[in-house]
């Protein structure tokens, strides 16, 4: 149902970023998320497209987290290896929107 689709969370990580230590640029990640949201809009309508959460993952760290979160179509972050370092993870959490 459409109500169930609104609960979906999409996590995007470029295949070349997996385990590489290289993140996409926030602008590039936002562009991909915008395209995904546009597809959702075309397939399922505005309400679904606006309610699906879009997460970026891929070498997110305390230096780039805020830049990703400042992008319009990135709703949150999928933290990998940086979540294993408590101080780094806390910095990332603090960079988020509240």
PDB file of N, CA and C in Angstrom:
ATOM      1  N   UNK A   1       0.841  -1.192   0.000  1.00  0.00           N
ATOM      2  CA  UNK A   1       0.000   0.000   0.000  1.00  0.00           C
ATOM      3  C   UNK A   1       0.882   1.251   0.000  1.00  0.00           C
ATOM      4  N   UNK A   2       0.302   2.354  -0.376  1.00  0.00           N
ATOM      5  CA  UNK A   2       1.046   3.616  -0.395  1.00  0.00           C
ATOM      6  C   UNK A   2       1.465   4.042   0.998  1.00  0.00           C
ATOM      7  N   UNK A   3       0.642   3.767   1.996  1.00  0.00           N
ATOM      8  CA  UNK A   3       1.015   4.108   3.374  1.00  0.00           C
ATOM      9  C   UNK A   3       2.249   3.331   3.811  1.00  0.00           C
ATOM     10  N   UNK A   4       2.364   2.091   3.394  1.00  0.00           N
ATOM     11  CA  UNK A   4       3.542   1.284   3.723  1.00  0.00           C
ATOM     12  C   UNK A   4       4.774   1.802   2.992  1.00  0.00           C
ATOM     13  N   UNK A   5       4.605   2.232   1.749  1.00  0.00           N
ATOM     14  CA  UNK A   5       5.741   2.762   0.980  1.00  0.00           C
ATOM     15  C   UNK A   5       6.337   4.011   1.628  1.00  0.00           C
ATOM     16  N   UNK A   6       5.516   4.790   2.304  1.00  0.00           N
ATOM     17  CA  UNK A   6       6.009   6.006   2.968  1.00  0.00           C
ATOM     18  C   UNK A   6       6.999   5.687   4.085  1.00  0.00           C
ATOM     19  N   UNK A   7       6.994   4.445   4.559  1.00  0.00           N
ATOM     20  CA  UNK A   7       7.881   4.033   5.647  1.00  0.00           C
ATOM     21  C   UNK A   7       9.229   3.514   5.142  1.00  0.00           C
ATOM     22  N   UNK A   8       9.379   3.432   3.838  1.00  0.00           N
ATOM     23  CA  UNK A   8      10.610   2.903   3.241  1.00  0.00           C
ATOM     24  C   UNK A   8      11.767   3.862   3.495  1.00  0.00           C
ATOM     25  N   UNK A   9      12.940   3.277   3.722  1.00  0.00           N
ATOM     26  CA  UNK A   9      14.179   4.040   3.853  1.00  0.00           C
ATOM     27  C   UNK A   9      15.109   3.564   2.747  1.00  0.00           C
ATOM     28  N   UNK A  10      15.581   4.503   1.937  1.00  0.00           N
ATOM     29  CA  UNK A  10      16.506   4.193   0.855  1.00  0.00           C
ATOM     30  C   UNK A  10      17.904   4.598   1.292  1.00  0.00           C
ATOM     31  N   UNK A  11      18.840   3.674   1.200  1.00  0.00           N
ATOM     32  CA  UNK A  11      20.238   3.971   1.501  1.00  0.00           C
ATOM     33  C   UNK A  11      21.024   3.878   0.206  1.00  0.00           C
ATOM     34  N   UNK A  12      21.758   4.935  -0.101  1.00  0.00           N
ATOM     35  CA  UNK A  12      22.542   4.977  -1.336  1.00  0.00           C
ATOM     36  C   UNK A  12      24.018   5.101  -1.001  1.00  0.00           C
ATOM     37  N   UNK A  13      24.814   4.239  -1.616  1.00  0.00           N
ATOM     38  CA  UNK A  13      26.263   4.331  -1.538  1.00  0.00           C
ATOM     39  C   UNK A  13      26.813   3.952  -2.911  1.00  0.00           C
ATOM     40  N   UNK A  14      27.600   4.832  -3.525  1.00  0.00           N
ATOM     41  CA  UNK A  14      28.167   4.471  -4.826  1.00  0.00           C
ATOM     42  C   UNK A  14      29.043   3.226  -4.687  1.00  0.00           C
ATOM     43  N   UNK A  15      28.945   2.338  -5.647  1.00  0.00           N
ATOM     44  CA  UNK A  15      29.696   1.089  -5.565  1.00  0.00           C
ATOM     45  C   UNK A  15      31.200   1.345  -5.449  1.00  0.00           C
ATOM     46  N   UNK A  16      31.683   2.410  -6.078  1.00  0.00           N
ATOM     47  CA  UNK A  16      33.113   2.714  -6.030  1.00  0.00           C
ATOM     48  C   UNK A  16      33.548   3.257  -4.671  1.00  0.00           C
ATOM     49  N   UNK A  17      32.594   3.644  -3.828  1.00  0.00           N
ATOM     50  CA  UNK A  17      32.932   4.172  -2.501  1.00  0.00           C
ATOM     51  C   UNK A  17      33.025   3.075  -1.444  1.00  0.00           C
ATOM     52  N   UNK A  18      32.498   1.903  -1.742  1.00  0.00           N
ATOM     53  CA  UNK A  18      32.460   0.826  -0.755  1.00  0.00           C
ATOM     54  C   UNK A  18      33.881   0.411  -0.386  1.00  0.00           C
ATOM     55  N   UNK A  19      34.220   0.614   0.869  1.00  0.00           N
ATOM     56  CA  UNK A  19      35.525   0.220   1.385  1.00  0.00           C
ATOM     57  C   UNK A  19      36.700   1.006   0.844  1.00  0.00           C
ATOM     58  N   UNK A  20      36.428   2.074   0.091  1.00  0.00           N
ATOM     59  CA  UNK A  20      37.517   2.805  -0.557  1.00  0.00           C
ATOM     60  C   UNK A  20      38.047   3.971   0.276  1.00  0.00           C
ATOM     61  N   UNK A  21      37.252   4.427   1.222  1.00  0.00           N
ATOM     62  CA  UNK A  21      37.637   5.623   1.963  1.00  0.00           C
ATOM     63  C   UNK A  21      37.351   6.899   1.192  1.00  0.00           C
ATOM     64  N   UNK A  22      36.750   6.781   0.014  1.00  0.00           N
ATOM     65  CA  UNK A  22      36.421   7.947  -0.799  1.00  0.00           C
ATOM     66  C   UNK A  22      34.913   8.152  -0.816  1.00  0.00           C
ATOM     67  N   UNK A  23      34.498   9.348  -0.455  1.00  0.00           N
ATOM     68  CA  UNK A  23      33.073   9.691  -0.466  1.00  0.00           C
ATOM     69  C   UNK A  23      32.727  10.397  -1.766  1.00  0.00           C
ATOM     70  N   UNK A  24      31.486  10.265  -2.169  1.00  0.00           N
ATOM     71  CA  UNK A  24      30.980  11.094  -3.263  1.00  0.00           C
ATOM     72  C   UNK A  24      30.945  12.533  -2.762  1.00  0.00           C
ATOM     73  N   UNK A  25      30.859  13.472  -3.664  1.00  0.00           N
ATOM     74  CA  UNK A  25      30.666  14.847  -3.213  1.00  0.00           C
ATOM     75  C   UNK A  25      29.215  14.982  -2.746  1.00  0.00           C
ATOM     76  N   UNK A  26      28.958  15.865  -1.798  1.00  0.00           N
ATOM     77  CA  UNK A  26      27.575  16.069  -1.370  1.00  0.00           C
ATOM     78  C   UNK A  26      26.663  16.448  -2.539  1.00  0.00           C
ATOM     79  N   UNK A  27      27.164  17.267  -3.453  1.00  0.00           N
ATOM     80  CA  UNK A  27      26.363  17.676  -4.611  1.00  0.00           C
ATOM     81  C   UNK A  27      25.983  16.463  -5.473  1.00  0.00           C
ATOM     82  N   UNK A  28      26.948  15.584  -5.721  1.00  0.00           N
ATOM     83  CA  UNK A  28      26.684  14.386  -6.524  1.00  0.00           C
ATOM     84  C   UNK A  28      25.668  13.482  -5.826  1.00  0.00           C
ATOM     85  N   UNK A  29      25.860  13.235  -4.535  1.00  0.00           N
ATOM     86  CA  UNK A  29      24.936  12.387  -3.783  1.00  0.00           C
ATOM     87  C   UNK A  29      23.528  12.983  -3.805  1.00  0.00           C
ATOM     88  N   UNK A  30      23.424  14.291  -3.646  1.00  0.00           N
ATOM     89  CA  UNK A  30      22.122  14.960  -3.667  1.00  0.00           C
ATOM     90  C   UNK A  30      21.456  14.794  -5.036  1.00  0.00           C
ATOM     91  N   UNK A  31      22.246  14.877  -6.096  1.00  0.00           N
ATOM     92  CA  UNK A  31      21.716  14.705  -7.449  1.00  0.00           C
ATOM     93  C   UNK A  31      21.100  13.316  -7.613  1.00  0.00           C
ATOM     94  N   UNK A  32      21.791  12.281  -7.122  1.00  0.00           N
ATOM     95  CA  UNK A  32      21.273  10.923  -7.209  1.00  0.00           C
ATOM     96  C   UNK A  32      19.984  10.795  -6.393  1.00  0.00           C
ATOM     97  N   UNK A  33      19.983  11.355  -5.181  1.00  0.00           N
ATOM     98  CA  UNK A  33      18.789  11.293  -4.329  1.00  0.00           C
ATOM     99  C   UNK A  33      17.612  12.022  -4.980  1.00  0.00           C
ATOM    100  N   UNK A  34      17.895  13.154  -5.622  1.00  0.00           N
ATOM    101  CA  UNK A  34      16.844  13.908  -6.322  1.00  0.00           C
ATOM    102  C   UNK A  34      16.260  13.045  -7.444  1.00  0.00           C
ATOM    103  N   UNK A  35      17.111  12.325  -8.174  1.00  0.00           N
ATOM    104  CA  UNK A  35      16.631  11.457  -9.252  1.00  0.00           C
ATOM    105  C   UNK A  35      15.781  10.311  -8.693  1.00  0.00           C
ATOM    106  N   UNK A  36      16.215   9.730  -7.579  1.00  0.00           N
ATOM    107  CA  UNK A  36      15.430   8.666  -6.952  1.00  0.00           C
ATOM    108  C   UNK A  36      14.074   9.179  -6.483  1.00  0.00           C
ATOM    109  N   UNK A  37      14.093  10.367  -5.886  1.00  0.00           N
ATOM    110  CA  UNK A  37      12.840  10.947  -5.399  1.00  0.00           C
ATOM    111  C   UNK A  37      11.906  11.282  -6.573  1.00  0.00           C
ATOM    112  N   UNK A  38      12.481  11.727  -7.668  1.00  0.00           N
ATOM    113  CA  UNK A  38      11.690  12.027  -8.865  1.00  0.00           C
ATOM    114  C   UNK A  38      11.042  10.750  -9.413  1.00  0.00           C
ATOM    115  N   UNK A  39      11.803   9.659  -9.430  1.00  0.00           N
ATOM    116  CA  UNK A  39      11.255   8.382  -9.882  1.00  0.00           C
ATOM    117  C   UNK A  39      10.103   7.946  -8.964  1.00  0.00           C
ATOM    118  N   UNK A  40      10.318   8.068  -7.654  1.00  0.00           N
ATOM    119  CA  UNK A  40       9.253   7.717  -6.702  1.00  0.00           C
ATOM    120  C   UNK A  40       8.007   8.561  -6.952  1.00  0.00           C
ATOM    121  N   UNK A  41       8.215   9.838  -7.225  1.00  0.00           N
ATOM    122  CA  UNK A  41       7.093  10.739  -7.512  1.00  0.00           C
ATOM    123  C   UNK A  41       6.329  10.260  -8.741  1.00  0.00           C
ATOM    124  N   UNK A  42       7.064   9.933  -9.806  1.00  0.00           N
ATOM    125  CA  UNK A  42       6.423   9.489 -11.048  1.00  0.00           C
ATOM    126  C   UNK A  42       5.679   8.173 -10.867  1.00  0.00           C
ATOM    127  N   UNK A  43       6.236   7.276 -10.066  1.00  0.00           N
ATOM    128  CA  UNK A  43       5.646   5.949  -9.892  1.00  0.00           C
ATOM    129  C   UNK A  43       4.538   5.909  -8.836  1.00  0.00           C
ATOM    130  N   UNK A  44       4.719   6.675  -7.736  1.00  0.00           N
ATOM    131  CA  UNK A  44       3.832   6.519  -6.581  1.00  0.00           C
ATOM    132  C   UNK A  44       3.198   7.812  -6.080  1.00  0.00           C
ATOM    133  N   UNK A  45       3.591   8.950  -6.632  1.00  0.00           N
ATOM    134  CA  UNK A  45       2.979  10.209  -6.249  1.00  0.00           C
ATOM    135  C   UNK A  45       3.809  11.023  -5.268  1.00  0.00           C
ATOM    136  N   UNK A  46       3.384  12.264  -5.124  1.00  0.00           N
ATOM    137  CA  UNK A  46       4.103  13.242  -4.299  1.00  0.00           C
ATOM    138  C   UNK A  46       4.235  12.803  -2.850  1.00  0.00           C
ATOM    139  N   UNK A  47       3.135  12.335  -2.260  1.00  0.00           N
ATOM    140  CA  UNK A  47       3.133  12.001  -0.837  1.00  0.00           C
ATOM    141  C   UNK A  47       4.164  10.922  -0.504  1.00  0.00           C
ATOM    142  N   UNK A  48       4.249   9.898  -1.323  1.00  0.00           N
ATOM    143  CA  UNK A  48       5.246   8.849  -1.101  1.00  0.00           C
ATOM    144  C   UNK A  48       6.644   9.413  -1.301  1.00  0.00           C
ATOM    145  N   UNK A  49       6.865  10.123  -2.398  1.00  0.00           N
ATOM    146  CA  UNK A  49       8.201  10.655  -2.712  1.00  0.00           C
ATOM    147  C   UNK A  49       8.731  11.554  -1.599  1.00  0.00           C
ATOM    148  N   UNK A  50       7.867  12.327  -0.991  1.00  0.00           N
ATOM    149  CA  UNK A  50       8.307  13.252   0.051  1.00  0.00           C
ATOM    150  C   UNK A  50       8.472  12.590   1.414  1.00  0.00           C
ATOM    151  N   UNK A  51       7.900  11.425   1.607  1.00  0.00           N
ATOM    152  CA  UNK A  51       7.963  10.763   2.909  1.00  0.00           C
ATOM    153  C   UNK A  51       8.998   9.651   3.006  1.00  0.00           C
ATOM    154  N   UNK A  52       9.485   9.172   1.874  1.00  0.00           N
ATOM    155  CA  UNK A  52      10.532   8.154   1.896  1.00  0.00           C
ATOM    156  C   UNK A  52      11.813   8.825   2.385  1.00  0.00           C
ATOM    157  N   UNK A  53      12.480   8.207   3.342  1.00  0.00           N
ATOM    158  CA  UNK A  53      13.745   8.759   3.855  1.00  0.00           C
ATOM    159  C   UNK A  53      14.889   8.309   2.965  1.00  0.00           C
ATOM    160  N   UNK A  54      15.752   9.259   2.615  1.00  0.00           N
ATOM    161  CA  UNK A  54      16.908   8.996   1.761  1.00  0.00           C
ATOM    162  C   UNK A  54      18.178   9.191   2.576  1.00  0.00           C
ATOM    163  N   UNK A  55      18.964   8.124   2.696  1.00  0.00           N
ATOM    164  CA  UNK A  55      20.208   8.165   3.451  1.00  0.00           C
ATOM    165  C   UNK A  55      21.404   8.026   2.512  1.00  0.00           C
ATOM    166  N   UNK A  56      22.454   8.778   2.781  1.00  0.00           N
ATOM    167  CA  UNK A  56      23.697   8.602   2.043  1.00  0.00           C
ATOM    168  C   UNK A  56      24.683   7.850   2.925  1.00  0.00           C
ATOM    169  N   UNK A  57      25.330   6.860   2.352  1.00  0.00           N
ATOM    170  CA  UNK A  57      26.397   6.140   3.028  1.00  0.00           C
ATOM    171  C   UNK A  57      27.569   6.034   2.077  1.00  0.00           C
ATOM    172  N   UNK A  58      28.736   6.019   2.593  1.00  0.00           N
ATOM    173  CA  UNK A  58      29.907   5.902   1.725  1.00  0.00           C
ATOM    174  C   UNK A  58      31.006   6.801   2.213  1.00  0.00           C
ATOM    175  N   UNK A  59      31.793   6.304   3.140  1.00  0.00           N
ATOM    176  CA  UNK A  59      32.934   7.059   3.671  1.00  0.00           C
ATOM    177  C   UNK A  59      32.507   8.365   4.325  1.00  0.00           C
ATOM    178  N   UNK A  60      31.386   8.323   5.024  1.00  0.00           N
ATOM    179  CA  UNK A  60      30.952   9.476   5.805  1.00  0.00           C
ATOM    180  C   UNK A  60      31.844   9.568   7.039  1.00  0.00           C
ATOM    181  N   UNK A  61      32.316  10.779   7.322  1.00  0.00           N
ATOM    182  CA  UNK A  61      33.141  10.989   8.511  1.00  0.00           C
ATOM    183  C   UNK A  61      32.758  12.301   9.176  1.00  0.00           C
ATOM    184  N   UNK A  62      33.446  12.644  10.246  1.00  0.00           N
ATOM    185  CA  UNK A  62      33.099  13.858  10.991  1.00  0.00           C
ATOM    186  C   UNK A  62      33.407  15.129  10.197  1.00  0.00           C
ATOM    187  N   UNK A  63      34.213  15.029   9.170  1.00  0.00           N
ATOM    188  CA  UNK A  63      34.560  16.208   8.361  1.00  0.00           C
ATOM    189  C   UNK A  63      33.544  16.482   7.257  1.00  0.00           C
ATOM    190  N   UNK A  64      32.873  15.446   6.756  1.00  0.00           N
ATOM    191  CA  UNK A  64      31.971  15.673   5.626  1.00  0.00           C
ATOM    192  C   UNK A  64      30.482  15.472   5.958  1.00  0.00           C
ATOM    193  N   UNK A  65      30.174  14.981   7.147  1.00  0.00           N
ATOM    194  CA  UNK A  65      28.785  14.661   7.495  1.00  0.00           C
ATOM    195  C   UNK A  65      27.850  15.863   7.352  1.00  0.00           C
ATOM    196  N   UNK A  66      28.226  17.000   7.898  1.00  0.00           N
ATOM    197  CA  UNK A  66      27.358  18.183   7.844  1.00  0.00           C
ATOM    198  C   UNK A  66      27.098  18.611   6.404  1.00  0.00           C
ATOM    199  N   UNK A  67      28.118  18.523   5.554  1.00  0.00           N
ATOM    200  CA  UNK A  67      27.948  18.909   4.153  1.00  0.00           C
ATOM    201  C   UNK A  67      26.911  18.028   3.452  1.00  0.00           C
ATOM    202  N   UNK A  68      26.907  16.741   3.768  1.00  0.00           N
ATOM    203  CA  UNK A  68      25.876  15.865   3.197  1.00  0.00           C
ATOM    204  C   UNK A  68      24.500  16.234   3.742  1.00  0.00           C
ATOM    205  N   UNK A  69      24.417  16.474   5.027  1.00  0.00           N
ATOM    206  CA  UNK A  69      23.123  16.785   5.646  1.00  0.00           C
ATOM    207  C   UNK A  69      22.572  18.143   5.221  1.00  0.00           C
ATOM    208  N   UNK A  70      23.426  19.017   4.747  1.00  0.00           N
ATOM    209  CA  UNK A  70      22.970  20.321   4.267  1.00  0.00           C
ATOM    210  C   UNK A  70      22.286  20.241   2.902  1.00  0.00           C
ATOM    211  N   UNK A  71      22.414  19.114   2.226  1.00  0.00           N
ATOM    212  CA  UNK A  71      21.809  18.951   0.904  1.00  0.00           C
ATOM    213  C   UNK A  71      20.308  18.680   1.032  1.00  0.00           C
ATOM    214  N   UNK A  72      19.552  19.206   0.098  1.00  0.00           N
ATOM    215  CA  UNK A  72      18.092  19.170   0.147  1.00  0.00           C
ATOM    216  C   UNK A  72      17.498  17.760   0.176  1.00  0.00           C
ATOM    217  N   UNK A  73      18.035  16.845  -0.608  1.00  0.00           N
ATOM    218  CA  UNK A  73      17.402  15.536  -0.752  1.00  0.00           C
ATOM    219  C   UNK A  73      18.047  14.435   0.077  1.00  0.00           C
ATOM    220  N   UNK A  74      19.010  14.777   0.917  1.00  0.00           N
ATOM    221  CA  UNK A  74      19.633  13.796   1.799  1.00  0.00           C
ATOM    222  C   UNK A  74      19.036  13.977   3.191  1.00  0.00           C
ATOM    223  N   UNK A  75      18.294  12.975   3.634  1.00  0.00           N
ATOM    224  CA  UNK A  75      17.581  13.061   4.911  1.00  0.00           C
ATOM    225  C   UNK A  75      18.404  12.574   6.091  1.00  0.00           C
ATOM    226  N   UNK A  76      19.405  11.778   5.828  1.00  0.00           N
ATOM    227  CA  UNK A  76      20.219  11.232   6.907  1.00  0.00           C
ATOM    228  C   UNK A  76      21.415  10.498   6.348  1.00  0.00           C
ATOM    229  N   UNK A  77      22.163   9.888   7.235  1.00  0.00           N
ATOM    230  CA  UNK A  77      23.406   9.232   6.855  1.00  0.00           C
ATOM    231  C   UNK A  77      23.422   7.789   7.321  1.00  0.00           C
ATOM    232  N   UNK A  78      24.050   6.955   6.541  1.00  0.00           N
ATOM    233  CA  UNK A  78      24.289   5.568   6.900  1.00  0.00           C
ATOM    234  C   UNK A  78      25.778   5.484   7.221  1.00  0.00           C
ATOM    235  N   UNK A  79      26.085   5.371   8.497  1.00  0.00           N
ATOM    236  CA  UNK A  79      27.476   5.435   8.957  1.00  0.00           C
ATOM    237  C   UNK A  79      28.046   4.031   9.028  1.00  0.00           C
ATOM    238  N   UNK A  80      29.178   3.833   8.394  1.00  0.00           N
ATOM    239  CA  UNK A  80      29.848   2.532   8.404  1.00  0.00           C
ATOM    240  C   UNK A  80      30.962   2.512   9.433  1.00  0.00           C
ATOM    241  N   UNK A  81      32.197   2.411   8.957  1.00  0.00           N
ATOM    242  CA  UNK A  81      33.364   2.264   9.821  1.00  0.00           C
ATOM    243  C   UNK A  81      33.519   3.368  10.843  1.00  0.00           C
ATOM    244  N   UNK A  82      33.095   4.581  10.510  1.00  0.00           N
ATOM    245  CA  UNK A  82      33.222   5.699  11.448  1.00  0.00           C
ATOM    246  C   UNK A  82      32.384   5.487  12.703  1.00  0.00           C
ATOM    247  N   UNK A  83      31.380   4.624  12.634  1.00  0.00           N
ATOM    248  CA  UNK A  83      30.546   4.365  13.812  1.00  0.00           C
ATOM    249  C   UNK A  83      31.267   3.506  14.850  1.00  0.00           C
ATOM    250  N   UNK A  84      32.390   2.919  14.460  1.00  0.00           N
ATOM    251  CA  UNK A  84      33.148   2.075  15.383  1.00  0.00           C
ATOM    252  C   UNK A  84      34.101   2.883  16.257  1.00  0.00           C
ATOM    253  N   UNK A  85      34.255   4.163  15.936  1.00  0.00           N
ATOM    254  CA  UNK A  85      35.123   5.045  16.712  1.00  0.00           C
ATOM    255  C   UNK A  85      34.220   6.022  17.456  1.00  0.00           C
ATOM    256  N   UNK A  86      34.093   5.847  18.763  1.00  0.00           N
ATOM    257  CA  UNK A  86      33.107   6.589  19.554  1.00  0.00           C
ATOM    258  C   UNK A  86      33.219   8.098  19.369  1.00  0.00           C
ATOM    259  N   UNK A  87      34.397   8.660  19.478  1.00  0.00           N
ATOM    260  CA  UNK A  87      34.538  10.124  19.361  1.00  0.00           C
ATOM    261  C   UNK A  87      34.140  10.616  17.975  1.00  0.00           C
ATOM    262  N   UNK A  88      34.559   9.884  16.956  1.00  0.00           N
ATOM    263  CA  UNK A  88      34.192  10.259  15.592  1.00  0.00           C
ATOM    264  C   UNK A  88      32.686  10.184  15.408  1.00  0.00           C
ATOM    265  N   UNK A  89      32.078   9.113  15.900  1.00  0.00           N
ATOM    266  CA  UNK A  89      30.642   8.940  15.750  1.00  0.00           C
ATOM    267  C   UNK A  89      29.873  10.050  16.459  1.00  0.00           C
ATOM    268  N   UNK A  90      30.307  10.424  17.641  1.00  0.00           N
ATOM    269  CA  UNK A  90      29.653  11.509  18.382  1.00  0.00           C
ATOM    270  C   UNK A  90      29.748  12.814  17.594  1.00  0.00           C
ATOM    271  N   UNK A  91      30.883  13.089  16.988  1.00  0.00           N
ATOM    272  CA  UNK A  91      31.022  14.307  16.161  1.00  0.00           C
ATOM    273  C   UNK A  91      30.050  14.280  14.987  1.00  0.00           C
ATOM    274  N   UNK A  92      29.904  13.124  14.374  1.00  0.00           N
ATOM    275  CA  UNK A  92      28.971  13.002  13.252  1.00  0.00           C
ATOM    276  C   UNK A  92      27.543  13.259  13.740  1.00  0.00           C
ATOM    277  N   UNK A  93      27.171  12.652  14.838  1.00  0.00           N
ATOM    278  CA  UNK A  93      25.823  12.848  15.391  1.00  0.00           C
ATOM    279  C   UNK A  93      25.583  14.322  15.693  1.00  0.00           C
ATOM    280  N   UNK A  94      26.560  14.988  16.271  1.00  0.00           N
ATOM    281  CA  UNK A  94      26.415  16.413  16.609  1.00  0.00           C
ATOM    282  C   UNK A  94      26.304  17.292  15.368  1.00  0.00           C
ATOM    283  N   UNK A  95      26.799  16.831  14.235  1.00  0.00           N
ATOM    284  CA  UNK A  95      26.727  17.630  13.021  1.00  0.00           C
ATOM    285  C   UNK A  95      25.341  17.579  12.398  1.00  0.00           C
ATOM    286  N   UNK A  96      24.494  16.652  12.872  1.00  0.00           N
ATOM    287  CA  UNK A  96      23.159  16.459  12.297  1.00  0.00           C
ATOM    288  C   UNK A  96      22.199  17.561  12.650  1.00  0.00           C
ATOM    289  N   UNK A  97      21.121  17.599  11.874  1.00  0.00           N
ATOM    290  CA  UNK A  97      20.034  18.560  12.121  1.00  0.00           C
ATOM    291  C   UNK A  97      19.172  18.049  13.257  1.00  0.00           C
ATOM    292  N   UNK A  98      18.792  18.954  14.100  1.00  0.00           N
ATOM    293  CA  UNK A  98      17.921  18.585  15.224  1.00  0.00           C
ATOM    294  C   UNK A  98      16.628  19.372  15.125  1.00  0.00           C
TER     295      UNK A  98
END
